[in-house]
Amino acid sequence: MPHTTPILTADMVLFSQTDAGTQVLLIQRGHNPFRGRWALPGGYDAPGRDPRGPLVSHAFTALVGRTPKATAGDDAAAARWRPLATVLAEGRLAFDHEQIIRDAAALYGLG
């Protein structure tokens, strides 16, 4: 049953520039909703974006100088740096994370 009191969450949009191009850090969801889909580490607040109920989130972004090892934790089945162009071309991210990534990429002039 969906909750009615907003939950506070945060999304992390981390980019890294490599010889292979711009990478973005994603986690593969280990639980529903969107089990098995790629998502940003964290959580966001667009109305109706999460079937569990209302969320209020802040999205933080950074362009890191190297690509640290990605490690899954919490409800993530996997964590991986993925090519930004591939992620945006596939368009199969959980929640509204594609739009969040597009917005963050635009801040850096990426994509």
PDB file of N, CA and C in Angstrom:
ATOM      1  N   MET A   1       0.837  -1.169   0.000  1.00  0.00           N
ATOM      2  CA  MET A   1       0.000   0.000   0.000  1.00  0.00           C
ATOM      3  C   MET A   1       0.888   1.240   0.000  1.00  0.00           C
ATOM      4  N   PRO A   2       0.629   2.218  -0.904  1.00  0.00           N
ATOM      5  CA  PRO A   2       1.444   3.432  -0.948  1.00  0.00           C
ATOM      6  C   PRO A   2       1.314   4.248   0.330  1.00  0.00           C
ATOM      7  N   HIS A   3       2.373   4.926   0.687  1.00  0.00           N
ATOM      8  CA  HIS A   3       2.360   5.807   1.850  1.00  0.00           C
ATOM      9  C   HIS A   3       1.832   7.179   1.435  1.00  0.00           C
ATOM     10  N   THR A   4       1.398   7.993   2.376  1.00  0.00           N
ATOM     11  CA  THR A   4       0.876   9.321   2.070  1.00  0.00           C
ATOM     12  C   THR A   4       1.766  10.438   2.575  1.00  0.00           C
ATOM     13  N   THR A   5       2.621  10.163   3.543  1.00  0.00           N
ATOM     14  CA  THR A   5       3.565  11.146   4.046  1.00  0.00           C
ATOM     15  C   THR A   5       4.817  11.091   3.186  1.00  0.00           C
ATOM     16  N   PRO A   6       5.275  12.226   2.636  1.00  0.00           N
ATOM     17  CA  PRO A   6       6.452  12.197   1.768  1.00  0.00           C
ATOM     18  C   PRO A   6       7.687  11.643   2.477  1.00  0.00           C
ATOM     19  N   ILE A   7       8.449  10.887   1.737  1.00  0.00           N
ATOM     20  CA  ILE A   7       9.725  10.358   2.208  1.00  0.00           C
ATOM     21  C   ILE A   7      10.832  11.230   1.628  1.00  0.00           C
ATOM     22  N   LEU A   8      11.816  11.598   2.429  1.00  0.00           N
ATOM     23  CA  LEU A   8      12.945  12.394   1.966  1.00  0.00           C
ATOM     24  C   LEU A   8      14.025  11.474   1.423  1.00  0.00           C
ATOM     25  N   THR A   9      14.502  11.770   0.214  1.00  0.00           N
ATOM     26  CA  THR A   9      15.526  10.957  -0.429  1.00  0.00           C
ATOM     27  C   THR A   9      16.516  11.854  -1.157  1.00  0.00           C
ATOM     28  N   ALA A  10      17.551  11.252  -1.713  1.00  0.00           N
ATOM     29  CA  ALA A  10      18.550  11.978  -2.505  1.00  0.00           C
ATOM     30  C   ALA A  10      19.009  11.100  -3.657  1.00  0.00           C
ATOM     31  N   ASP A  11      19.287  11.714  -4.801  1.00  0.00           N
ATOM     32  CA  ASP A  11      19.863  11.030  -5.951  1.00  0.00           C
ATOM     33  C   ASP A  11      21.282  11.537  -6.145  1.00  0.00           C
ATOM     34  N   MET A  12      22.159  10.651  -6.549  1.00  0.00           N
ATOM     35  CA  MET A  12      23.529  11.025  -6.860  1.00  0.00           C
ATOM     36  C   MET A  12      23.764  10.777  -8.350  1.00  0.00           C
ATOM     37  N   VAL A  13      24.158  11.819  -9.064  1.00  0.00           N
ATOM     38  CA  VAL A  13      24.493  11.698 -10.478  1.00  0.00           C
ATOM     39  C   VAL A  13      25.986  11.954 -10.597  1.00  0.00           C
ATOM     40  N   LEU A  14      26.749  10.870 -10.717  1.00  0.00           N
ATOM     41  CA  LEU A  14      28.202  10.977 -10.799  1.00  0.00           C
ATOM     42  C   LEU A  14      28.657  10.658 -12.211  1.00  0.00           C
ATOM     43  N   PHE A  15      29.404  11.590 -12.802  1.00  0.00           N
ATOM     44  CA  PHE A  15      29.973  11.406 -14.132  1.00  0.00           C
ATOM     45  C   PHE A  15      31.480  11.283 -14.008  1.00  0.00           C
ATOM     46  N   SER A  16      32.081  10.563 -14.949  1.00  0.00           N
ATOM     47  CA  SER A  16      33.524  10.454 -15.035  1.00  0.00           C
ATOM     48  C   SER A  16      33.918  10.482 -16.508  1.00  0.00           C
ATOM     49  N   GLN A  17      34.968  11.227 -16.812  1.00  0.00           N
ATOM     50  CA  GLN A  17      35.487  11.262 -18.178  1.00  0.00           C
ATOM     51  C   GLN A  17      36.604  10.227 -18.296  1.00  0.00           C
ATOM     52  N   THR A  18      36.475   9.318 -19.247  1.00  0.00           N
ATOM     53  CA  THR A  18      37.489   8.286 -19.472  1.00  0.00           C
ATOM     54  C   THR A  18      37.893   8.302 -20.941  1.00  0.00           C
ATOM     55  N   ASP A  19      38.888   7.489 -21.279  1.00  0.00           N
ATOM     56  CA  ASP A  19      39.291   7.362 -22.684  1.00  0.00           C
ATOM     57  C   ASP A  19      38.144   6.837 -23.536  1.00  0.00           C
ATOM     58  N   ALA A  20      37.220   6.094 -22.916  1.00  0.00           N
ATOM     59  CA  ALA A  20      36.072   5.527 -23.633  1.00  0.00           C
ATOM     60  C   ALA A  20      34.890   6.502 -23.685  1.00  0.00           C
ATOM     61  N   GLY A  21      35.045   7.712 -23.138  1.00  0.00           N
ATOM     62  CA  GLY A  21      33.972   8.696 -23.137  1.00  0.00           C
ATOM     63  C   GLY A  21      33.426   8.921 -21.741  1.00  0.00           C
ATOM     64  N   THR A  22      32.331   9.642 -21.657  1.00  0.00           N
ATOM     65  CA  THR A  22      31.714   9.974 -20.372  1.00  0.00           C
ATOM     66  C   THR A  22      30.976   8.762 -19.822  1.00  0.00           C
ATOM     67  N   GLN A  23      31.218   8.479 -18.549  1.00  0.00           N
ATOM     68  CA  GLN A  23      30.563   7.379 -17.845  1.00  0.00           C
ATOM     69  C   GLN A  23      29.653   7.950 -16.770  1.00  0.00           C
ATOM     70  N   VAL A  24      28.594   7.220 -16.436  1.00  0.00           N
ATOM     71  CA  VAL A  24      27.695   7.602 -15.349  1.00  0.00           C
ATOM     72  C   VAL A  24      27.548   6.400 -14.417  1.00  0.00           C
ATOM     73  N   LEU A  25      27.554   6.654 -13.115  1.00  0.00           N
ATOM     74  CA  LEU A  25      27.433   5.577 -12.137  1.00  0.00           C
ATOM     75  C   LEU A  25      25.966   5.212 -11.942  1.00  0.00           C
ATOM     76  N   LEU A  26      25.642   3.921 -12.103  1.00  0.00           N
ATOM     77  CA  LEU A  26      24.283   3.425 -11.913  1.00  0.00           C
ATOM     78  C   LEU A  26      24.294   2.191 -11.028  1.00  0.00           C
ATOM     79  N   ILE A  27      23.160   1.931 -10.416  1.00  0.00           N
ATOM     80  CA  ILE A  27      22.961   0.691  -9.673  1.00  0.00           C
ATOM     81  C   ILE A  27      21.840  -0.087 -10.350  1.00  0.00           C
ATOM     82  N   GLN A  28      21.905  -1.392 -10.228  1.00  0.00           N
ATOM     83  CA  GLN A  28      20.810  -2.227 -10.717  1.00  0.00           C
ATOM     84  C   GLN A  28      19.938  -2.559  -9.518  1.00  0.00           C
ATOM     85  N   ARG A  29      18.651  -2.220  -9.620  1.00  0.00           N
ATOM     86  CA  ARG A  29      17.752  -2.395  -8.486  1.00  0.00           C
ATOM     87  C   ARG A  29      17.580  -3.871  -8.166  1.00  0.00           C
ATOM     88  N   GLY A  30      17.707  -4.195  -6.888  1.00  0.00           N
ATOM     89  CA  GLY A  30      17.558  -5.558  -6.424  1.00  0.00           C
ATOM     90  C   GLY A  30      16.158  -5.881  -5.927  1.00  0.00           C
ATOM     91  N   HIS A  31      15.316  -4.848  -5.762  1.00  0.00           N
ATOM     92  CA  HIS A  31      13.965  -5.025  -5.236  1.00  0.00           C
ATOM     93  C   HIS A  31      12.970  -4.247  -6.087  1.00  0.00           C
ATOM     94  N   ASN A  32      11.701  -4.583  -5.944  1.00  0.00           N
ATOM     95  CA  ASN A  32      10.642  -3.810  -6.585  1.00  0.00           C
ATOM     96  C   ASN A  32      10.475  -2.500  -5.825  1.00  0.00           C
ATOM     97  N   PRO A  33      10.009  -1.438  -6.434  1.00  0.00           N
ATOM     98  CA  PRO A  33       9.626  -1.402  -7.830  1.00  0.00           C
ATOM     99  C   PRO A  33      10.841  -1.339  -8.757  1.00  0.00           C
ATOM    100  N   PHE A  34      10.641  -1.730  -9.988  1.00  0.00           N
ATOM    101  CA  PHE A  34      11.664  -1.683 -11.033  1.00  0.00           C
ATOM    102  C   PHE A  34      12.828  -2.631 -10.781  1.00  0.00           C
ATOM    103  N   ARG A  35      12.568  -3.757 -10.175  1.00  0.00           N
ATOM    104  CA  ARG A  35      13.611  -4.755  -9.923  1.00  0.00           C
ATOM    105  C   ARG A  35      14.323  -5.103 -11.227  1.00  0.00           C
ATOM    106  N   GLY A  36      15.656  -5.098 -11.187  1.00  0.00           N
ATOM    107  CA  GLY A  36      16.479  -5.428 -12.338  1.00  0.00           C
ATOM    108  C   GLY A  36      16.788  -4.259 -13.252  1.00  0.00           C
ATOM    109  N   ARG A  37      16.111  -3.127 -13.080  1.00  0.00           N
ATOM    110  CA  ARG A  37      16.354  -1.954 -13.930  1.00  0.00           C
ATOM    111  C   ARG A  37      17.497  -1.130 -13.352  1.00  0.00           C
ATOM    112  N   TRP A  38      18.193  -0.413 -14.226  1.00  0.00           N
ATOM    113  CA  TRP A  38      19.270   0.471 -13.800  1.00  0.00           C
ATOM    114  C   TRP A  38      18.677   1.771 -13.267  1.00  0.00           C
ATOM    115  N   ALA A  39      19.330   2.336 -12.257  1.00  0.00           N
ATOM    116  CA  ALA A  39      18.840   3.544 -11.597  1.00  0.00           C
ATOM    117  C   ALA A  39      20.020   4.310 -11.005  1.00  0.00           C
ATOM    118  N   LEU A  40      19.761   5.531 -10.628  1.00  0.00           N
ATOM    119  CA  LEU A  40      20.756   6.314  -9.906  1.00  0.00           C
ATOM    120  C   LEU A  40      20.852   5.828  -8.466  1.00  0.00           C
ATOM    121  N   PRO A  41      22.027   5.924  -7.877  1.00  0.00           N
ATOM    122  CA  PRO A  41      22.104   5.661  -6.451  1.00  0.00           C
ATOM    123  C   PRO A  41      21.287   6.731  -5.710  1.00  0.00           C
ATOM    124  N   GLY A  42      20.404   6.345  -4.851  1.00  0.00           N
ATOM    125  CA  GLY A  42      19.592   7.295  -4.090  1.00  0.00           C
ATOM    126  C   GLY A  42      18.105   7.164  -4.373  1.00  0.00           C
ATOM    127  N   GLY A  43      17.359   8.250  -4.401  1.00  0.00           N
ATOM    128  CA  GLY A  43      15.925   8.246  -4.639  1.00  0.00           C
ATOM    129  C   GLY A  43      15.431   9.571  -5.269  1.00  0.00           C
ATOM    130  N   TYR A  44      13.800  10.514  -5.965  1.00  0.00           N
ATOM    131  CA  TYR A  44      13.457  11.850  -6.541  1.00  0.00           C
ATOM    132  C   TYR A  44      11.997  12.169  -6.356  1.00  0.00           C
ATOM    133  N   ASP A  45      11.627  13.455  -6.561  1.00  0.00           N
ATOM    134  CA  ASP A  45      10.334  13.922  -6.071  1.00  0.00           C
ATOM    135  C   ASP A  45       9.253  14.265  -7.090  1.00  0.00           C
ATOM    136  N   ALA A  46       9.399  13.958  -8.364  1.00  0.00           N
ATOM    137  CA  ALA A  46       8.332  14.282  -9.322  1.00  0.00           C
ATOM    138  C   ALA A  46       7.063  13.522  -8.938  1.00  0.00           C
ATOM    139  N   PRO A  47       5.903  14.190  -8.954  1.00  0.00           N
ATOM    140  CA  PRO A  47       4.667  13.510  -8.551  1.00  0.00           C
ATOM    141  C   PRO A  47       4.426  12.249  -9.376  1.00  0.00           C
ATOM    142  N   GLY A  48       4.144  11.164  -8.700  1.00  0.00           N
ATOM    143  CA  GLY A  48       3.846   9.907  -9.374  1.00  0.00           C
ATOM    144  C   GLY A  48       5.052   9.142  -9.879  1.00  0.00           C
ATOM    145  N   ARG A  49       6.256   9.617  -9.614  1.00  0.00           N
ATOM    146  CA  ARG A  49       7.453   8.962 -10.145  1.00  0.00           C
ATOM    147  C   ARG A  49       7.783   7.664  -9.433  1.00  0.00           C
ATOM    148  N   ASP A  50       7.247   7.463  -8.266  1.00  0.00           N
ATOM    149  CA  ASP A  50       7.508   6.251  -7.508  1.00  0.00           C
ATOM    150  C   ASP A  50       6.175   5.657  -7.076  1.00  0.00           C
ATOM    151  N   PRO A  51       5.904   4.394  -7.458  1.00  0.00           N
ATOM    152  CA  PRO A  51       4.622   3.796  -7.110  1.00  0.00           C
ATOM    153  C   PRO A  51       4.412   3.590  -5.615  1.00  0.00           C
ATOM    154  N   ARG A  52       5.452   3.752  -4.815  1.00  0.00           N
ATOM    155  CA  ARG A  52       5.306   3.569  -3.369  1.00  0.00           C
ATOM    156  C   ARG A  52       4.673   4.772  -2.694  1.00  0.00           C
ATOM    157  N   GLY A  53       4.586   5.906  -3.386  1.00  0.00           N
ATOM    158  CA  GLY A  53       3.981   7.098  -2.819  1.00  0.00           C
ATOM    159  C   GLY A  53       4.854   8.316  -3.043  1.00  0.00           C
ATOM    160  N   PRO A  54       4.505   9.461  -2.423  1.00  0.00           N
ATOM    161  CA  PRO A  54       5.236  10.709  -2.667  1.00  0.00           C
ATOM    162  C   PRO A  54       6.628  10.710  -2.039  1.00  0.00           C
ATOM    163  N   LEU A  55       7.574  11.286  -2.787  1.00  0.00           N
ATOM    164  CA  LEU A  55       8.949  11.436  -2.325  1.00  0.00           C
ATOM    165  C   LEU A  55       9.374  12.880  -2.516  1.00  0.00           C
ATOM    166  N   VAL A  56      10.241  13.359  -1.664  1.00  0.00           N
ATOM    167  CA  VAL A  56      10.880  14.654  -1.834  1.00  0.00           C
ATOM    168  C   VAL A  56      12.375  14.364  -1.841  1.00  0.00           C
ATOM    169  N   SER A  57      13.040  14.735  -2.931  1.00  0.00           N
ATOM    170  CA  SER A  57      14.439  14.387  -3.089  1.00  0.00           C
ATOM    171  C   SER A  57      15.250  15.558  -3.599  1.00  0.00           C
ATOM    172  N   HIS A  58      16.533  15.516  -3.307  1.00  0.00           N
ATOM    173  CA  HIS A  58      17.498  16.457  -3.857  1.00  0.00           C
ATOM    174  C   HIS A  58      18.428  15.653  -4.743  1.00  0.00           C
ATOM    175  N   ALA A  59      18.717  16.172  -5.936  1.00  0.00           N
ATOM    176  CA  ALA A  59      19.663  15.511  -6.834  1.00  0.00           C
ATOM    177  C   ALA A  59      20.994  16.243  -6.744  1.00  0.00           C
ATOM    178  N   PHE A  60      22.038  15.501  -6.467  1.00  0.00           N
ATOM    179  CA  PHE A  60      23.389  16.039  -6.379  1.00  0.00           C
ATOM    180  C   PHE A  60      24.181  15.482  -7.546  1.00  0.00           C
ATOM    181  N   THR A  61      25.047  16.287  -8.113  1.00  0.00           N
ATOM    182  CA  THR A  61      25.839  15.821  -9.247  1.00  0.00           C
ATOM    183  C   THR A  61      27.286  16.252  -9.086  1.00  0.00           C
ATOM    184  N   ALA A  62      28.175  15.448  -9.664  1.00  0.00           N
ATOM    185  CA  ALA A  62      29.598  15.765  -9.649  1.00  0.00           C
ATOM    186  C   ALA A  62      30.251  15.117 -10.860  1.00  0.00           C
ATOM    187  N   LEU A  63      31.288  15.760 -11.322  1.00  0.00           N
ATOM    188  CA  LEU A  63      32.135  15.205 -12.372  1.00  0.00           C
ATOM    189  C   LEU A  63      33.443  14.848 -11.691  1.00  0.00           C
ATOM    190  N   VAL A  64      33.686  13.549 -11.527  1.00  0.00           N
ATOM    191  CA  VAL A  64      34.859  13.095 -10.782  1.00  0.00           C
ATOM    192  C   VAL A  64      36.035  12.924 -11.723  1.00  0.00           C
ATOM    193  N   GLY A  65      37.235  13.082 -11.185  1.00  0.00           N
ATOM    194  CA  GLY A  65      38.442  13.030 -11.993  1.00  0.00           C
ATOM    195  C   GLY A  65      38.900  11.633 -12.359  1.00  0.00           C
ATOM    196  N   ARG A  66      38.368  10.647 -11.706  1.00  0.00           N
ATOM    197  CA  ARG A  66      38.715   9.263 -12.014  1.00  0.00           C
ATOM    198  C   ARG A  66      37.452   8.427 -11.845  1.00  0.00           C
ATOM    199  N   THR A  67      37.528   7.171 -12.227  1.00  0.00           N
ATOM    200  CA  THR A  67      36.366   6.291 -12.118  1.00  0.00           C
ATOM    201  C   THR A  67      36.615   5.320 -10.970  1.00  0.00           C
ATOM    202  N   PRO A  68      36.164   5.661  -9.755  1.00  0.00           N
ATOM    203  CA  PRO A  68      36.374   4.759  -8.624  1.00  0.00           C
ATOM    204  C   PRO A  68      35.609   3.446  -8.824  1.00  0.00           C
ATOM    205  N   LYS A  69      36.043   2.431  -8.130  1.00  0.00           N
ATOM    206  CA  LYS A  69      35.365   1.140  -8.208  1.00  0.00           C
ATOM    207  C   LYS A  69      33.927   1.296  -7.716  1.00  0.00           C
ATOM    208  N   ALA A  70      32.986   0.738  -8.493  1.00  0.00           N
ATOM    209  CA  ALA A  70      31.569   0.776  -8.124  1.00  0.00           C
ATOM    210  C   ALA A  70      31.246  -0.450  -7.287  1.00  0.00           C
ATOM    211  N   THR A  71      30.601  -0.240  -6.149  1.00  0.00           N
ATOM    212  CA  THR A  71      30.245  -1.325  -5.246  1.00  0.00           C
ATOM    213  C   THR A  71      28.763  -1.229  -4.901  1.00  0.00           C
ATOM    214  N   ALA A  72      28.040  -2.320  -5.089  1.00  0.00           N
ATOM    215  CA  ALA A  72      26.607  -2.351  -4.769  1.00  0.00           C
ATOM    216  C   ALA A  72      26.415  -2.456  -3.263  1.00  0.00           C
ATOM    217  N   GLY A  73      25.366  -1.823  -2.772  1.00  0.00           N
ATOM    218  CA  GLY A  73      25.025  -1.893  -1.364  1.00  0.00           C
ATOM    219  C   GLY A  73      23.532  -1.717  -1.198  1.00  0.00           C
ATOM    220  N   ASP A  74      23.027  -1.860   0.002  1.00  0.00           N
ATOM    221  CA  ASP A  74      21.614  -1.650   0.317  1.00  0.00           C
ATOM    222  C   ASP A  74      20.742  -2.527  -0.568  1.00  0.00           C
ATOM    223  N   ASP A  75      19.862  -1.919  -1.377  1.00  0.00           N
ATOM    224  CA  ASP A  75      18.955  -2.728  -2.204  1.00  0.00           C
ATOM    225  C   ASP A  75      19.462  -2.908  -3.630  1.00  0.00           C
ATOM    226  N   ALA A  76      20.720  -2.592  -3.892  1.00  0.00           N
ATOM    227  CA  ALA A  76      21.291  -2.722  -5.232  1.00  0.00           C
ATOM    228  C   ALA A  76      21.817  -4.131  -5.476  1.00  0.00           C
ATOM    229  N   ALA A  77      21.444  -4.703  -6.628  1.00  0.00           N
ATOM    230  CA  ALA A  77      21.950  -6.012  -7.023  1.00  0.00           C
ATOM    231  C   ALA A  77      23.333  -5.880  -7.654  1.00  0.00           C
ATOM    232  N   ALA A  78      23.618  -4.716  -8.244  1.00  0.00           N
ATOM    233  CA  ALA A  78      24.905  -4.465  -8.895  1.00  0.00           C
ATOM    234  C   ALA A  78      25.122  -2.971  -8.975  1.00  0.00           C
ATOM    235  N   ALA A  79      26.363  -2.566  -9.175  1.00  0.00           N
ATOM    236  CA  ALA A  79      26.714  -1.170  -9.415  1.00  0.00           C
ATOM    237  C   ALA A  79      27.744  -1.150 -10.526  1.00  0.00           C
ATOM    238  N   ARG A  80      27.601  -0.178 -11.427  1.00  0.00           N
ATOM    239  CA  ARG A  80      28.498  -0.169 -12.579  1.00  0.00           C
ATOM    240  C   ARG A  80      28.569   1.235 -13.178  1.00  0.00           C
ATOM    241  N   TRP A  81      29.770   1.593 -13.645  1.00  0.00           N
ATOM    242  CA  TRP A  81      29.929   2.778 -14.464  1.00  0.00           C
ATOM    243  C   TRP A  81      29.519   2.381 -15.873  1.00  0.00           C
ATOM    244  N   ARG A  82      28.593   3.131 -16.476  1.00  0.00           N
ATOM    245  CA  ARG A  82      28.098   2.815 -17.810  1.00  0.00           C
ATOM    246  C   ARG A  82      28.275   4.032 -18.712  1.00  0.00           C
ATOM    247  N   PRO A  83      28.505   3.801 -20.013  1.00  0.00           N
ATOM    248  CA  PRO A  83      28.661   4.931 -20.934  1.00  0.00           C
ATOM    249  C   PRO A  83      27.401   5.794 -20.974  1.00  0.00           C
ATOM    250  N   LEU A  84      27.574   7.091 -20.802  1.00  0.00           N
ATOM    251  CA  LEU A  84      26.440   8.013 -20.787  1.00  0.00           C
ATOM    252  C   LEU A  84      25.627   7.902 -22.077  1.00  0.00           C
ATOM    253  N   ALA A  85      26.281   7.868 -23.214  1.00  0.00           N
ATOM    254  CA  ALA A  85      25.566   7.807 -24.496  1.00  0.00           C
ATOM    255  C   ALA A  85      24.701   6.548 -24.579  1.00  0.00           C
ATOM    256  N   THR A  86      25.201   5.432 -24.095  1.00  0.00           N
ATOM    257  CA  THR A  86      24.445   4.175 -24.122  1.00  0.00           C
ATOM    258  C   THR A  86      23.233   4.258 -23.202  1.00  0.00           C
ATOM    259  N   VAL A  87      23.441   4.777 -22.016  1.00  0.00           N
ATOM    260  CA  VAL A  87      22.356   4.899 -21.038  1.00  0.00           C
ATOM    261  C   VAL A  87      21.225   5.758 -21.599  1.00  0.00           C
ATOM    262  N   LEU A  88      21.577   6.873 -22.204  1.00  0.00           N
ATOM    263  CA  LEU A  88      20.552   7.769 -22.743  1.00  0.00           C
ATOM    264  C   LEU A  88      19.881   7.184 -23.987  1.00  0.00           C
ATOM    265  N   ALA A  89      20.627   6.432 -24.774  1.00  0.00           N
ATOM    266  CA  ALA A  89      20.054   5.815 -25.974  1.00  0.00           C
ATOM    267  C   ALA A  89      19.088   4.691 -25.608  1.00  0.00           C
ATOM    268  N   GLU A  90      19.400   3.925 -24.564  1.00  0.00           N
ATOM    269  CA  GLU A  90      18.543   2.808 -24.151  1.00  0.00           C
ATOM    270  C   GLU A  90      17.221   3.313 -23.568  1.00  0.00           C
ATOM    271  N   GLY A  91      17.289   4.364 -22.743  1.00  0.00           N
ATOM    272  CA  GLY A  91      16.084   4.944 -22.159  1.00  0.00           C
ATOM    273  C   GLY A  91      15.263   3.990 -21.317  1.00  0.00           C
ATOM    274  N   ARG A  92      15.900   3.074 -20.602  1.00  0.00           N
ATOM    275  CA  ARG A  92      15.167   2.083 -19.816  1.00  0.00           C
ATOM    276  C   ARG A  92      15.499   2.153 -18.332  1.00  0.00           C
ATOM    277  N   LEU A  93      15.708   3.346 -17.823  1.00  0.00           N
ATOM    278  CA  LEU A  93      16.046   3.501 -16.418  1.00  0.00           C
ATOM    279  C   LEU A  93      14.800   3.479 -15.550  1.00  0.00           C
ATOM    280  N   ALA A  94      14.992   3.134 -14.289  1.00  0.00           N
ATOM    281  CA  ALA A  94      13.891   3.147 -13.318  1.00  0.00           C
ATOM    282  C   ALA A  94      13.478   4.590 -13.019  1.00  0.00           C
ATOM    283  N   PHE A  95      12.242   4.727 -12.564  1.00  0.00           N
ATOM    284  CA  PHE A  95      11.706   6.013 -12.128  1.00  0.00           C
ATOM    285  C   PHE A  95      11.873   7.062 -13.236  1.00  0.00           C
ATOM    286  N   ASP A  96      12.240   8.279 -12.865  1.00  0.00           N
ATOM    287  CA  ASP A  96      12.473   9.349 -13.837  1.00  0.00           C
ATOM    288  C   ASP A  96      13.966   9.667 -13.945  1.00  0.00           C
ATOM    289  N   HIS A  97      14.782   8.652 -13.744  1.00  0.00           N
ATOM    290  CA  HIS A  97      16.222   8.867 -13.675  1.00  0.00           C
ATOM    291  C   HIS A  97      16.846   9.272 -14.997  1.00  0.00           C
ATOM    292  N   GLU A  98      16.254   8.887 -16.118  1.00  0.00           N
ATOM    293  CA  GLU A  98      16.787   9.348 -17.401  1.00  0.00           C
ATOM    294  C   GLU A  98      16.727  10.873 -17.473  1.00  0.00           C
ATOM    295  N   GLN A  99      15.609  11.461 -17.068  1.00  0.00           N
ATOM    296  CA  GLN A  99      15.473  12.915 -17.113  1.00  0.00           C
ATOM    297  C   GLN A  99      16.447  13.588 -16.157  1.00  0.00           C
ATOM    298  N   ILE A 100      16.631  13.008 -14.993  1.00  0.00           N
ATOM    299  CA  ILE A 100      17.576  13.580 -14.027  1.00  0.00           C
ATOM    300  C   ILE A 100      18.986  13.562 -14.600  1.00  0.00           C
ATOM    301  N   ILE A 101      19.365  12.452 -15.243  1.00  0.00           N
ATOM    302  CA  ILE A 101      20.695  12.348 -15.851  1.00  0.00           C
ATOM    303  C   ILE A 101      20.834  13.359 -16.985  1.00  0.00           C
ATOM    304  N   ARG A 102      19.811  13.490 -17.818  1.00  0.00           N
ATOM    305  CA  ARG A 102      19.857  14.471 -18.912  1.00  0.00           C
ATOM    306  C   ARG A 102      20.034  15.896 -18.362  1.00  0.00           C
ATOM    307  N   ASP A 103      19.311  16.227 -17.305  1.00  0.00           N
ATOM    308  CA  ASP A 103      19.425  17.554 -16.698  1.00  0.00           C
ATOM    309  C   ASP A 103      20.829  17.772 -16.139  1.00  0.00           C
ATOM    310  N   ALA A 104      21.350  16.775 -15.451  1.00  0.00           N
ATOM    311  CA  ALA A 104      22.698  16.908 -14.861  1.00  0.00           C
ATOM    312  C   ALA A 104      23.752  16.990 -15.951  1.00  0.00           C
ATOM    313  N   ALA A 105      23.607  16.184 -17.002  1.00  0.00           N
ATOM    314  CA  ALA A 105      24.567  16.217 -18.115  1.00  0.00           C
ATOM    315  C   ALA A 105      24.579  17.588 -18.779  1.00  0.00           C
ATOM    316  N   ALA A 106      23.405  18.194 -18.895  1.00  0.00           N
ATOM    317  CA  ALA A 106      23.317  19.526 -19.510  1.00  0.00           C
ATOM    318  C   ALA A 106      24.077  20.561 -18.695  1.00  0.00           C
ATOM    319  N   LEU A 107      24.116  20.412 -17.377  1.00  0.00           N
ATOM    320  CA  LEU A 107      24.876  21.360 -16.532  1.00  0.00           C
ATOM    321  C   LEU A 107      26.358  21.356 -16.876  1.00  0.00           C
ATOM    322  N   TYR A 108      26.873  20.181 -17.276  1.00  0.00           N
ATOM    323  CA  TYR A 108      28.292  20.044 -17.609  1.00  0.00           C
ATOM    324  C   TYR A 108      28.551  20.120 -19.100  1.00  0.00           C
ATOM    325  N   GLY A 109      27.504  20.266 -19.910  1.00  0.00           N
ATOM    326  CA  GLY A 109      27.682  20.285 -21.367  1.00  0.00           C
ATOM    327  C   GLY A 109      28.032  18.923 -21.912  1.00  0.00           C
ATOM    328  N   LEU A 110      27.530  17.847 -21.240  1.00  0.00           N
ATOM    329  CA  LEU A 110      27.795  16.480 -21.671  1.00  0.00           C
ATOM    330  C   LEU A 110      26.594  15.951 -22.448  1.00  0.00           C
ATOM    331  N   GLY A 111      26.824  14.933 -23.265  1.00  0.00           N
ATOM    332  CA  GLY A 111      25.721  14.248 -23.942  1.00  0.00           C
ATOM    333  C   GLY A 111      25.122  14.936 -25.057  1.00  0.00           C
TER     334      GLY A 111
END
